[in-house]
Amino acid sequence: MFISFEGIDGCGKSTQSRLLAEALRDEGRDVVLTREPGGSPGAEEIRRLLVEGTGERWSPETETLLFTAARRDHLERLIRPALAANQTVITDRFADSTRVYQGATRGDLRAMVDRLHEVMIGVEPDLTLVIDIDAATGLRRGTARGGGEDRFESMGLAFQEKLAAGFRALAAEYPDRVRLIDGSGSADQVAARVRRALPAMPA
């Protein structure tokens, strides 16, 4: 099974990705936990270009190309081989982030994003879990983390509010695949909601 976690910066999706991977491993499942941009050596190199520096370091068009290049390497080097080996893949972000960040928020580029995805990626997760929280809360958490990977947080609250609306719209657009998960409360409370959203998994 291929599962992705999505949401605005600081929503807690990285924590929830890890908690779900740990829970499934405790059940004896073979789980690969990964992230985007990144997840393979080449994609991790591209990650540094995307998440560090000033907000206007790249145009939305250039960002889209860089994200797609990183995703293609991730798909070739890690995701496809893991799925072929009957492993469960959990990724912290996948193509839906590009649909929202570059396709609907950074620029009106959704048609280009979808076309690039169709030609270069052509894969969707079996299930996408969007951790849905208030934009101000997410921004507070994101900026409190510190470190150099704060390029998107530096774009401010209005940007995060657009992102939150974009992810909610995505859930409405793909109701068979995307589930909105209430991100309020403790990490364990959110993890319980995540688990309830999972379909029965084969033994």
N, C-alpha and C. Protein backbone atom coordinates (compact mmCIF):
# COMPACT_ATOMS: atom_id res chain seq x y z
N MET A 1 0.85 -1.19 0.00
CA MET A 1 0.00 0.00 0.00
C MET A 1 0.88 1.24 0.00
N PHE A 2 0.46 2.25 -0.72
CA PHE A 2 1.20 3.51 -0.86
C PHE A 2 0.37 4.60 -0.20
N ILE A 3 0.88 5.18 0.90
CA ILE A 3 0.16 6.17 1.70
C ILE A 3 0.96 7.46 1.73
N SER A 4 0.29 8.58 1.49
CA SER A 4 0.96 9.88 1.61
C SER A 4 0.28 10.71 2.68
N PHE A 5 1.09 11.54 3.35
CA PHE A 5 0.59 12.52 4.30
C PHE A 5 0.81 13.90 3.71
N GLU A 6 -0.19 14.77 3.84
CA GLU A 6 -0.13 16.12 3.28
C GLU A 6 -0.64 17.12 4.31
N GLY A 7 -0.42 18.40 4.00
CA GLY A 7 -0.92 19.46 4.86
C GLY A 7 0.01 20.66 4.82
N ILE A 8 -0.42 21.71 5.49
CA ILE A 8 0.36 22.94 5.51
C ILE A 8 1.61 22.74 6.36
N ASP A 9 2.52 23.70 6.28
CA ASP A 9 3.74 23.64 7.09
C ASP A 9 3.37 23.69 8.57
N GLY A 10 3.97 22.79 9.35
CA GLY A 10 3.72 22.77 10.79
C GLY A 10 2.46 22.04 11.21
N CYS A 11 1.82 21.31 10.29
CA CYS A 11 0.56 20.65 10.63
C CYS A 11 0.74 19.38 11.44
N GLY A 12 1.96 18.83 11.46
CA GLY A 12 2.20 17.60 12.21
C GLY A 12 2.25 16.35 11.34
N LYS A 13 2.26 16.51 10.03
CA LYS A 13 2.23 15.34 9.14
C LYS A 13 3.48 14.49 9.26
N SER A 14 4.64 15.12 9.51
CA SER A 14 5.87 14.33 9.66
C SER A 14 5.79 13.44 10.89
N THR A 15 5.28 13.99 11.99
CA THR A 15 5.08 13.19 13.20
C THR A 15 4.11 12.06 12.96
N GLN A 16 3.00 12.36 12.28
CA GLN A 16 1.99 11.33 12.02
C GLN A 16 2.50 10.26 11.06
N SER A 17 3.31 10.64 10.09
CA SER A 17 3.92 9.66 9.19
C SER A 17 4.76 8.67 9.99
N ARG A 18 5.58 9.23 10.89
CA ARG A 18 6.46 8.38 11.71
C ARG A 18 5.65 7.49 12.64
N LEU A 19 4.62 8.04 13.29
CA LEU A 19 3.82 7.25 14.23
C LEU A 19 3.10 6.10 13.52
N LEU A 20 2.58 6.37 12.32
CA LEU A 20 1.91 5.30 11.59
C LEU A 20 2.90 4.23 11.17
N ALA A 21 4.07 4.65 10.69
CA ALA A 21 5.09 3.67 10.29
C ALA A 21 5.47 2.79 11.48
N GLU A 22 5.65 3.40 12.66
CA GLU A 22 6.02 2.63 13.85
C GLU A 22 4.91 1.66 14.23
N ALA A 23 3.65 2.11 14.16
CA ALA A 23 2.54 1.25 14.53
C ALA A 23 2.42 0.05 13.59
N LEU A 24 2.57 0.28 12.30
CA LEU A 24 2.47 -0.81 11.34
C LEU A 24 3.65 -1.77 11.47
N ARG A 25 4.83 -1.24 11.75
CA ARG A 25 5.98 -2.14 11.97
C ARG A 25 5.77 -3.00 13.21
N ASP A 26 5.16 -2.42 14.26
CA ASP A 26 4.86 -3.19 15.47
C ASP A 26 3.91 -4.35 15.17
N GLU A 27 3.11 -4.20 14.12
CA GLU A 27 2.20 -5.27 13.69
C GLU A 27 2.88 -6.29 12.77
N GLY A 28 4.17 -6.06 12.52
CA GLY A 28 4.90 -7.00 11.69
C GLY A 28 4.95 -6.68 10.22
N ARG A 29 4.50 -5.47 9.84
CA ARG A 29 4.51 -5.10 8.43
C ARG A 29 5.87 -4.51 8.04
N ASP A 30 6.22 -4.71 6.79
CA ASP A 30 7.46 -4.18 6.24
C ASP A 30 7.16 -2.79 5.68
N VAL A 31 7.64 -1.75 6.36
CA VAL A 31 7.26 -0.38 6.04
C VAL A 31 8.48 0.44 5.65
N VAL A 32 8.35 1.20 4.57
CA VAL A 32 9.36 2.17 4.18
C VAL A 32 8.80 3.56 4.46
N LEU A 33 9.48 4.34 5.29
CA LEU A 33 9.07 5.71 5.60
C LEU A 33 10.00 6.66 4.84
N THR A 34 9.41 7.58 4.08
CA THR A 34 10.21 8.47 3.26
C THR A 34 9.59 9.86 3.26
N ARG A 35 10.16 10.77 2.46
CA ARG A 35 9.67 12.15 2.47
C ARG A 35 9.95 12.82 1.12
N GLU A 36 9.23 13.91 0.90
CA GLU A 36 9.47 14.75 -0.28
C GLU A 36 9.51 16.22 0.14
N PRO A 37 10.28 17.03 -0.58
CA PRO A 37 11.26 16.57 -1.57
C PRO A 37 12.36 15.81 -0.86
N GLY A 38 12.83 14.75 -1.49
CA GLY A 38 13.84 13.89 -0.90
C GLY A 38 13.48 12.44 -1.06
N GLY A 39 14.03 11.62 -0.19
CA GLY A 39 13.73 10.20 -0.21
C GLY A 39 14.71 9.34 -0.98
N SER A 40 15.53 9.97 -1.80
CA SER A 40 16.60 9.29 -2.54
C SER A 40 17.78 10.26 -2.58
N PRO A 41 19.00 9.77 -2.80
CA PRO A 41 20.15 10.69 -2.75
C PRO A 41 20.02 11.89 -3.68
N GLY A 42 19.62 11.66 -4.93
CA GLY A 42 19.48 12.78 -5.86
C GLY A 42 18.39 13.74 -5.44
N ALA A 43 17.27 13.21 -4.97
CA ALA A 43 16.16 14.06 -4.55
C ALA A 43 16.51 14.86 -3.30
N GLU A 44 17.33 14.29 -2.42
CA GLU A 44 17.75 15.03 -1.23
C GLU A 44 18.63 16.22 -1.62
N GLU A 45 19.42 16.07 -2.66
CA GLU A 45 20.23 17.20 -3.13
C GLU A 45 19.33 18.32 -3.65
N ILE A 46 18.28 17.94 -4.39
CA ILE A 46 17.34 18.94 -4.90
C ILE A 46 16.57 19.57 -3.75
N ARG A 47 16.29 18.81 -2.68
CA ARG A 47 15.55 19.34 -1.53
C ARG A 47 16.20 20.61 -0.99
N ARG A 48 17.52 20.58 -0.86
CA ARG A 48 18.20 21.75 -0.30
C ARG A 48 17.96 23.00 -1.15
N LEU A 49 17.87 22.82 -2.45
CA LEU A 49 17.59 23.96 -3.33
C LEU A 49 16.19 24.52 -3.09
N LEU A 50 15.25 23.65 -2.71
CA LEU A 50 13.85 24.04 -2.63
C LEU A 50 13.44 24.61 -1.27
N VAL A 51 14.00 24.09 -0.20
CA VAL A 51 13.48 24.46 1.12
C VAL A 51 14.36 25.46 1.86
N GLU A 52 15.52 25.78 1.30
CA GLU A 52 16.40 26.77 1.93
C GLU A 52 16.42 28.05 1.10
N GLY A 53 16.82 29.14 1.72
CA GLY A 53 16.92 30.41 1.01
C GLY A 53 15.67 31.26 1.17
N THR A 54 15.62 32.35 0.42
CA THR A 54 14.50 33.29 0.52
C THR A 54 13.27 32.78 -0.22
N GLY A 55 12.12 33.35 0.14
CA GLY A 55 10.87 32.93 -0.48
C GLY A 55 10.85 33.06 -1.98
N GLU A 56 11.48 34.09 -2.48
CA GLU A 56 11.46 34.34 -3.92
C GLU A 56 12.69 33.81 -4.64
N ARG A 57 13.34 32.85 -4.03
CA ARG A 57 14.54 32.28 -4.65
C ARG A 57 14.24 31.70 -6.04
N TRP A 58 13.08 31.04 -6.16
CA TRP A 58 12.67 30.43 -7.43
C TRP A 58 11.30 30.95 -7.84
N SER A 59 11.04 30.97 -9.11
CA SER A 59 9.68 31.24 -9.60
C SER A 59 8.84 29.98 -9.38
N PRO A 60 7.51 30.11 -9.36
CA PRO A 60 6.66 28.92 -9.23
C PRO A 60 6.92 27.91 -10.34
N GLU A 61 7.20 28.39 -11.54
CA GLU A 61 7.46 27.47 -12.66
C GLU A 61 8.73 26.65 -12.42
N THR A 62 9.79 27.33 -11.98
CA THR A 62 11.04 26.62 -11.71
C THR A 62 10.86 25.65 -10.55
N GLU A 63 10.15 26.07 -9.51
CA GLU A 63 9.85 25.18 -8.39
C GLU A 63 9.18 23.90 -8.87
N THR A 64 8.19 24.05 -9.74
CA THR A 64 7.45 22.90 -10.23
C THR A 64 8.38 21.91 -10.93
N LEU A 65 9.29 22.42 -11.74
CA LEU A 65 10.23 21.56 -12.44
C LEU A 65 11.18 20.87 -11.46
N LEU A 66 11.65 21.60 -10.46
CA LEU A 66 12.55 21.01 -9.48
C LEU A 66 11.84 19.93 -8.65
N PHE A 67 10.63 20.21 -8.20
CA PHE A 67 9.88 19.21 -7.45
C PHE A 67 9.62 17.96 -8.29
N THR A 68 9.29 18.15 -9.56
CA THR A 68 9.02 17.01 -10.43
C THR A 68 10.27 16.18 -10.64
N ALA A 69 11.42 16.85 -10.81
CA ALA A 69 12.68 16.13 -10.97
C ALA A 69 13.00 15.32 -9.72
N ALA A 70 12.83 15.93 -8.55
CA ALA A 70 13.08 15.21 -7.30
C ALA A 70 12.13 14.03 -7.15
N ARG A 71 10.86 14.23 -7.49
CA ARG A 71 9.85 13.16 -7.36
C ARG A 71 10.15 12.01 -8.31
N ARG A 72 10.60 12.32 -9.51
CA ARG A 72 10.92 11.26 -10.47
C ARG A 72 12.05 10.38 -9.93
N ASP A 73 13.10 11.00 -9.38
CA ASP A 73 14.20 10.23 -8.83
C ASP A 73 13.74 9.40 -7.64
N HIS A 74 12.93 9.99 -6.78
CA HIS A 74 12.36 9.30 -5.62
C HIS A 74 11.55 8.08 -6.07
N LEU A 75 10.74 8.27 -7.10
CA LEU A 75 9.91 7.18 -7.62
C LEU A 75 10.77 6.05 -8.16
N GLU A 76 11.77 6.39 -8.96
CA GLU A 76 12.62 5.38 -9.59
C GLU A 76 13.46 4.63 -8.56
N ARG A 77 14.04 5.36 -7.63
CA ARG A 77 15.05 4.78 -6.74
C ARG A 77 14.48 4.12 -5.50
N LEU A 78 13.30 4.58 -5.04
CA LEU A 78 12.79 4.07 -3.78
C LEU A 78 11.35 3.56 -3.85
N ILE A 79 10.42 4.38 -4.33
CA ILE A 79 9.00 4.02 -4.22
C ILE A 79 8.66 2.78 -5.05
N ARG A 80 8.99 2.79 -6.34
CA ARG A 80 8.65 1.64 -7.17
C ARG A 80 9.32 0.35 -6.68
N PRO A 81 10.62 0.37 -6.39
CA PRO A 81 11.22 -0.88 -5.89
C PRO A 81 10.58 -1.38 -4.60
N ALA A 82 10.23 -0.47 -3.68
CA ALA A 82 9.62 -0.89 -2.42
C ALA A 82 8.25 -1.51 -2.66
N LEU A 83 7.43 -0.89 -3.49
CA LEU A 83 6.11 -1.44 -3.77
C LEU A 83 6.22 -2.78 -4.49
N ALA A 84 7.21 -2.91 -5.39
CA ALA A 84 7.42 -4.17 -6.10
C ALA A 84 7.82 -5.29 -5.14
N ALA A 85 8.45 -4.91 -4.02
CA ALA A 85 8.85 -5.88 -3.00
C ALA A 85 7.76 -6.09 -1.95
N ASN A 86 6.54 -5.61 -2.23
CA ASN A 86 5.39 -5.77 -1.33
C ASN A 86 5.59 -5.08 0.01
N GLN A 87 6.34 -3.98 0.00
CA GLN A 87 6.48 -3.17 1.20
C GLN A 87 5.39 -2.09 1.21
N THR A 88 5.02 -1.65 2.41
CA THR A 88 4.13 -0.51 2.55
C THR A 88 4.98 0.75 2.52
N VAL A 89 4.64 1.70 1.66
CA VAL A 89 5.37 2.94 1.54
C VAL A 89 4.54 4.07 2.15
N ILE A 90 5.13 4.78 3.11
CA ILE A 90 4.51 5.96 3.71
C ILE A 90 5.40 7.15 3.40
N THR A 91 4.86 8.15 2.72
CA THR A 91 5.66 9.32 2.37
C THR A 91 5.08 10.59 2.97
N ASP A 92 5.97 11.38 3.51
CA ASP A 92 5.64 12.72 4.02
C ASP A 92 5.70 13.66 2.82
N ARG A 93 4.58 13.88 2.18
CA ARG A 93 4.34 14.65 0.97
C ARG A 93 4.56 13.82 -0.30
N PHE A 94 3.74 14.16 -1.30
CA PHE A 94 3.91 13.59 -2.65
C PHE A 94 3.32 14.62 -3.61
N ALA A 95 2.72 14.18 -4.69
CA ALA A 95 2.32 15.09 -5.78
C ALA A 95 1.26 16.10 -5.37
N ASP A 96 0.44 15.78 -4.38
CA ASP A 96 -0.61 16.74 -3.98
C ASP A 96 -0.01 18.03 -3.44
N SER A 97 1.17 17.96 -2.85
CA SER A 97 1.81 19.19 -2.39
C SER A 97 2.11 20.12 -3.56
N THR A 98 2.57 19.56 -4.66
CA THR A 98 2.85 20.40 -5.84
C THR A 98 1.56 20.94 -6.42
N ARG A 99 0.50 20.14 -6.41
CA ARG A 99 -0.79 20.62 -6.90
C ARG A 99 -1.26 21.84 -6.11
N VAL A 100 -1.02 21.84 -4.80
CA VAL A 100 -1.50 22.93 -3.96
C VAL A 100 -0.49 24.08 -3.91
N TYR A 101 0.77 23.78 -3.60
CA TYR A 101 1.76 24.85 -3.43
C TYR A 101 2.00 25.61 -4.73
N GLN A 102 2.32 24.90 -5.80
CA GLN A 102 2.63 25.57 -7.06
C GLN A 102 1.40 25.68 -7.97
N GLY A 103 0.53 24.68 -7.92
CA GLY A 103 -0.60 24.66 -8.83
C GLY A 103 -1.69 25.64 -8.49
N ALA A 104 -1.88 25.92 -7.18
CA ALA A 104 -3.02 26.75 -6.79
C ALA A 104 -2.65 27.92 -5.90
N THR A 105 -1.44 27.95 -5.34
CA THR A 105 -1.10 28.97 -4.36
C THR A 105 0.02 29.87 -4.82
N ARG A 106 1.14 29.28 -5.19
CA ARG A 106 2.27 30.09 -5.67
C ARG A 106 2.00 30.66 -7.06
N GLY A 107 1.19 29.99 -7.83
CA GLY A 107 0.86 30.44 -9.17
C GLY A 107 -0.34 29.68 -9.69
N ASP A 108 -0.94 30.13 -10.75
CA ASP A 108 -2.09 29.45 -11.35
C ASP A 108 -1.56 28.44 -12.37
N LEU A 109 -0.92 27.40 -11.84
CA LEU A 109 -0.16 26.48 -12.68
C LEU A 109 -0.72 25.05 -12.65
N ARG A 110 -1.96 24.89 -12.22
CA ARG A 110 -2.47 23.53 -12.03
C ARG A 110 -2.42 22.70 -13.32
N ALA A 111 -2.74 23.28 -14.45
CA ALA A 111 -2.73 22.51 -15.70
C ALA A 111 -1.32 22.01 -16.00
N MET A 112 -0.32 22.85 -15.80
CA MET A 112 1.05 22.44 -16.03
C MET A 112 1.49 21.38 -15.04
N VAL A 113 1.14 21.56 -13.77
CA VAL A 113 1.48 20.58 -12.75
C VAL A 113 0.89 19.22 -13.09
N ASP A 114 -0.39 19.20 -13.48
CA ASP A 114 -1.04 17.93 -13.80
C ASP A 114 -0.43 17.28 -15.03
N ARG A 115 -0.07 18.09 -16.02
CA ARG A 115 0.52 17.53 -17.24
C ARG A 115 1.90 16.93 -16.94
N LEU A 116 2.72 17.63 -16.18
CA LEU A 116 4.02 17.10 -15.80
C LEU A 116 3.88 15.81 -15.00
N HIS A 117 2.91 15.80 -14.09
CA HIS A 117 2.68 14.61 -13.28
C HIS A 117 2.29 13.43 -14.17
N GLU A 118 1.40 13.67 -15.11
CA GLU A 118 0.94 12.61 -16.00
C GLU A 118 2.10 12.02 -16.81
N VAL A 119 2.95 12.90 -17.33
CA VAL A 119 4.03 12.46 -18.21
C VAL A 119 5.19 11.84 -17.43
N MET A 120 5.57 12.44 -16.30
CA MET A 120 6.81 12.06 -15.62
C MET A 120 6.61 11.15 -14.40
N ILE A 121 5.44 11.18 -13.78
CA ILE A 121 5.22 10.42 -12.54
C ILE A 121 4.18 9.32 -12.76
N GLY A 122 2.95 9.70 -13.05
CA GLY A 122 1.91 8.74 -13.41
C GLY A 122 1.47 7.81 -12.30
N VAL A 123 1.75 8.15 -11.06
CA VAL A 123 1.40 7.31 -9.92
C VAL A 123 0.71 8.17 -8.87
N GLU A 124 -0.35 7.64 -8.28
CA GLU A 124 -1.01 8.29 -7.14
C GLU A 124 -0.96 7.35 -5.95
N PRO A 125 -0.90 7.90 -4.72
CA PRO A 125 -1.00 7.03 -3.54
C PRO A 125 -2.35 6.31 -3.51
N ASP A 126 -2.38 5.19 -2.81
CA ASP A 126 -3.66 4.51 -2.57
C ASP A 126 -4.52 5.33 -1.62
N LEU A 127 -3.87 6.02 -0.69
CA LEU A 127 -4.58 6.83 0.31
C LEU A 127 -3.73 8.05 0.65
N THR A 128 -4.38 9.21 0.71
CA THR A 128 -3.72 10.45 1.10
C THR A 128 -4.43 11.01 2.32
N LEU A 129 -3.67 11.29 3.37
CA LEU A 129 -4.20 11.80 4.62
C LEU A 129 -3.72 13.23 4.81
N VAL A 130 -4.66 14.18 4.78
CA VAL A 130 -4.34 15.59 4.95
C VAL A 130 -4.58 15.96 6.41
N ILE A 131 -3.51 16.35 7.11
CA ILE A 131 -3.65 16.79 8.49
C ILE A 131 -4.09 18.25 8.46
N ASP A 132 -5.31 18.48 8.88
CA ASP A 132 -5.96 19.78 8.72
C ASP A 132 -5.94 20.56 10.04
N ILE A 133 -5.21 21.68 10.04
CA ILE A 133 -5.16 22.53 11.23
C ILE A 133 -5.29 24.00 10.83
N ASP A 134 -5.52 24.82 11.84
CA ASP A 134 -5.58 26.26 11.66
C ASP A 134 -4.24 26.76 11.15
N ALA A 135 -4.28 27.66 10.15
CA ALA A 135 -3.05 28.13 9.52
C ALA A 135 -2.13 28.86 10.49
N ALA A 136 -2.69 29.65 11.40
CA ALA A 136 -1.85 30.38 12.36
C ALA A 136 -1.13 29.41 13.29
N THR A 137 -1.81 28.33 13.70
CA THR A 137 -1.18 27.32 14.55
C THR A 137 -0.04 26.64 13.81
N GLY A 138 -0.28 26.27 12.56
CA GLY A 138 0.75 25.63 11.77
C GLY A 138 1.97 26.51 11.58
N LEU A 139 1.73 27.79 11.30
CA LEU A 139 2.85 28.71 11.09
C LEU A 139 3.65 28.88 12.37
N ARG A 140 2.96 28.95 13.50
CA ARG A 140 3.65 29.07 14.79
C ARG A 140 4.55 27.85 15.02
N ARG A 141 4.01 26.68 14.77
CA ARG A 141 4.80 25.45 14.94
C ARG A 141 5.98 25.42 13.97
N GLY A 142 5.70 25.78 12.72
CA GLY A 142 6.74 25.72 11.70
C GLY A 142 7.90 26.63 11.99
N THR A 143 7.61 27.85 12.42
CA THR A 143 8.68 28.80 12.70
C THR A 143 9.41 28.43 13.99
N ALA A 144 8.72 27.77 14.93
CA ALA A 144 9.35 27.38 16.19
C ALA A 144 10.37 26.26 16.01
N ARG A 145 10.25 25.51 14.91
CA ARG A 145 11.19 24.40 14.68
C ARG A 145 12.61 24.89 14.52
N GLY A 146 12.78 26.07 13.95
CA GLY A 146 14.13 26.58 13.69
C GLY A 146 14.77 25.83 12.53
N GLY A 147 16.08 26.02 12.38
CA GLY A 147 16.79 25.38 11.27
C GLY A 147 16.66 26.20 10.01
N GLY A 148 17.26 25.70 8.94
CA GLY A 148 17.30 26.46 7.70
C GLY A 148 16.20 26.15 6.72
N GLU A 149 15.34 25.13 7.02
CA GLU A 149 14.33 24.70 6.05
C GLU A 149 13.02 25.46 6.30
N ASP A 150 13.06 26.77 6.15
CA ASP A 150 11.89 27.58 6.48
C ASP A 150 11.47 28.49 5.34
N ARG A 151 11.84 28.11 4.13
CA ARG A 151 11.56 29.00 2.99
C ARG A 151 10.07 29.25 2.82
N PHE A 152 9.26 28.22 2.92
CA PHE A 152 7.83 28.40 2.70
C PHE A 152 7.15 29.07 3.90
N GLU A 153 7.63 28.79 5.12
CA GLU A 153 7.09 29.49 6.28
C GLU A 153 7.34 31.00 6.17
N SER A 154 8.46 31.38 5.54
CA SER A 154 8.81 32.80 5.44
C SER A 154 7.83 33.58 4.57
N MET A 155 6.96 32.89 3.85
CA MET A 155 5.99 33.57 2.98
C MET A 155 4.77 34.08 3.75
N GLY A 156 4.67 33.73 5.04
CA GLY A 156 3.67 34.37 5.89
C GLY A 156 2.34 33.66 6.05
N LEU A 157 1.49 34.26 6.91
CA LEU A 157 0.22 33.64 7.29
C LEU A 157 -0.76 33.58 6.12
N ALA A 158 -0.86 34.63 5.32
CA ALA A 158 -1.81 34.61 4.20
C ALA A 158 -1.50 33.46 3.25
N PHE A 159 -0.23 33.18 3.03
CA PHE A 159 0.17 32.07 2.18
C PHE A 159 -0.26 30.75 2.80
N GLN A 160 -0.05 30.59 4.11
CA GLN A 160 -0.45 29.34 4.78
C GLN A 160 -1.97 29.16 4.75
N GLU A 161 -2.71 30.26 4.85
CA GLU A 161 -4.18 30.17 4.76
C GLU A 161 -4.62 29.70 3.38
N LYS A 162 -3.94 30.18 2.35
CA LYS A 162 -4.25 29.72 0.99
C LYS A 162 -3.94 28.23 0.85
N LEU A 163 -2.82 27.81 1.43
CA LEU A 163 -2.47 26.40 1.38
C LEU A 163 -3.54 25.54 2.05
N ALA A 164 -3.98 25.95 3.24
CA ALA A 164 -4.98 25.18 3.96
C ALA A 164 -6.26 25.04 3.14
N ALA A 165 -6.68 26.14 2.53
CA ALA A 165 -7.87 26.08 1.67
C ALA A 165 -7.64 25.18 0.46
N GLY A 166 -6.41 25.21 -0.08
CA GLY A 166 -6.09 24.38 -1.22
C GLY A 166 -6.15 22.89 -0.89
N PHE A 167 -5.66 22.51 0.27
CA PHE A 167 -5.70 21.10 0.66
C PHE A 167 -7.13 20.65 0.93
N ARG A 168 -7.95 21.52 1.51
CA ARG A 168 -9.36 21.15 1.73
C ARG A 168 -10.08 20.98 0.39
N ALA A 169 -9.77 21.84 -0.57
CA ALA A 169 -10.37 21.71 -1.90
C ALA A 169 -9.93 20.41 -2.57
N LEU A 170 -8.69 20.02 -2.33
CA LEU A 170 -8.18 18.79 -2.91
C LEU A 170 -8.94 17.57 -2.38
N ALA A 171 -9.25 17.60 -1.09
CA ALA A 171 -10.02 16.50 -0.49
C ALA A 171 -11.39 16.39 -1.14
N ALA A 172 -11.99 17.53 -1.47
CA ALA A 172 -13.29 17.51 -2.15
C ALA A 172 -13.15 17.03 -3.59
N GLU A 173 -12.01 17.33 -4.21
CA GLU A 173 -11.79 16.95 -5.61
C GLU A 173 -11.53 15.45 -5.76
N TYR A 174 -10.86 14.86 -4.78
CA TYR A 174 -10.51 13.43 -4.84
C TYR A 174 -11.06 12.69 -3.62
N PRO A 175 -12.39 12.61 -3.48
CA PRO A 175 -12.96 12.04 -2.25
C PRO A 175 -12.66 10.56 -2.06
N ASP A 176 -12.37 9.84 -3.14
CA ASP A 176 -12.08 8.41 -3.00
C ASP A 176 -10.68 8.14 -2.45
N ARG A 177 -9.81 9.12 -2.59
CA ARG A 177 -8.41 8.91 -2.19
C ARG A 177 -7.97 9.77 -1.01
N VAL A 178 -8.48 11.00 -0.91
CA VAL A 178 -7.98 11.96 0.07
C VAL A 178 -8.92 12.06 1.27
N ARG A 179 -8.36 11.94 2.47
CA ARG A 179 -9.13 12.07 3.70
C ARG A 179 -8.59 13.25 4.50
N LEU A 180 -9.49 14.10 4.99
CA LEU A 180 -9.12 15.18 5.91
C LEU A 180 -9.09 14.63 7.33
N ILE A 181 -7.99 14.86 8.03
CA ILE A 181 -7.85 14.41 9.41
C ILE A 181 -7.74 15.65 10.31
N ASP A 182 -8.61 15.74 11.30
CA ASP A 182 -8.55 16.84 12.27
C ASP A 182 -7.21 16.80 12.99
N GLY A 183 -6.40 17.85 12.84
CA GLY A 183 -5.07 17.88 13.42
C GLY A 183 -5.00 18.49 14.80
N SER A 184 -6.14 18.80 15.42
CA SER A 184 -6.12 19.40 16.76
C SER A 184 -5.91 18.32 17.82
N GLY A 185 -5.44 18.76 18.99
CA GLY A 185 -5.23 17.82 20.08
C GLY A 185 -3.81 17.28 20.10
N SER A 186 -3.61 16.24 20.91
CA SER A 186 -2.28 15.66 21.07
C SER A 186 -1.91 14.82 19.85
N ALA A 187 -0.63 14.51 19.74
CA ALA A 187 -0.16 13.66 18.64
C ALA A 187 -0.84 12.30 18.68
N ASP A 188 -1.06 11.76 19.88
CA ASP A 188 -1.71 10.45 20.00
C ASP A 188 -3.17 10.51 19.57
N GLN A 189 -3.85 11.61 19.89
CA GLN A 189 -5.24 11.76 19.46
C GLN A 189 -5.34 11.83 17.94
N VAL A 190 -4.43 12.57 17.33
CA VAL A 190 -4.44 12.66 15.87
C VAL A 190 -4.09 11.30 15.26
N ALA A 191 -3.13 10.60 15.87
CA ALA A 191 -2.75 9.27 15.37
C ALA A 191 -3.93 8.31 15.40
N ALA A 192 -4.77 8.41 16.42
CA ALA A 192 -5.96 7.55 16.49
C ALA A 192 -6.92 7.87 15.34
N ARG A 193 -7.06 9.15 15.00
CA ARG A 193 -7.92 9.52 13.86
C ARG A 193 -7.32 9.00 12.56
N VAL A 194 -6.00 9.10 12.44
CA VAL A 194 -5.33 8.58 11.25
C VAL A 194 -5.63 7.09 11.09
N ARG A 195 -5.49 6.35 12.17
CA ARG A 195 -5.68 4.90 12.12
C ARG A 195 -7.11 4.55 11.73
N ARG A 196 -8.06 5.31 12.24
CA ARG A 196 -9.47 5.04 11.88
C ARG A 196 -9.74 5.31 10.40
N ALA A 197 -8.95 6.17 9.79
CA ALA A 197 -9.15 6.50 8.38
C ALA A 197 -8.54 5.46 7.44
N LEU A 198 -7.70 4.57 7.98
CA LEU A 198 -7.09 3.56 7.13
C LEU A 198 -8.09 2.45 6.82
N PRO A 199 -8.12 1.99 5.59
CA PRO A 199 -8.94 0.82 5.27
C PRO A 199 -8.31 -0.43 5.87
N ALA A 200 -9.06 -1.51 5.89
CA ALA A 200 -8.50 -2.78 6.35
C ALA A 200 -7.35 -3.15 5.42
N MET A 201 -6.21 -3.47 6.01
CA MET A 201 -5.04 -3.80 5.23
C MET A 201 -4.86 -5.31 5.20
N PRO A 202 -4.48 -5.86 4.05
CA PRO A 202 -4.30 -7.30 3.96
C PRO A 202 -3.18 -7.77 4.89
N ALA A 203 -3.32 -8.98 5.39
CA ALA A 203 -2.30 -9.52 6.30
C ALA A 203 -1.01 -9.80 5.55
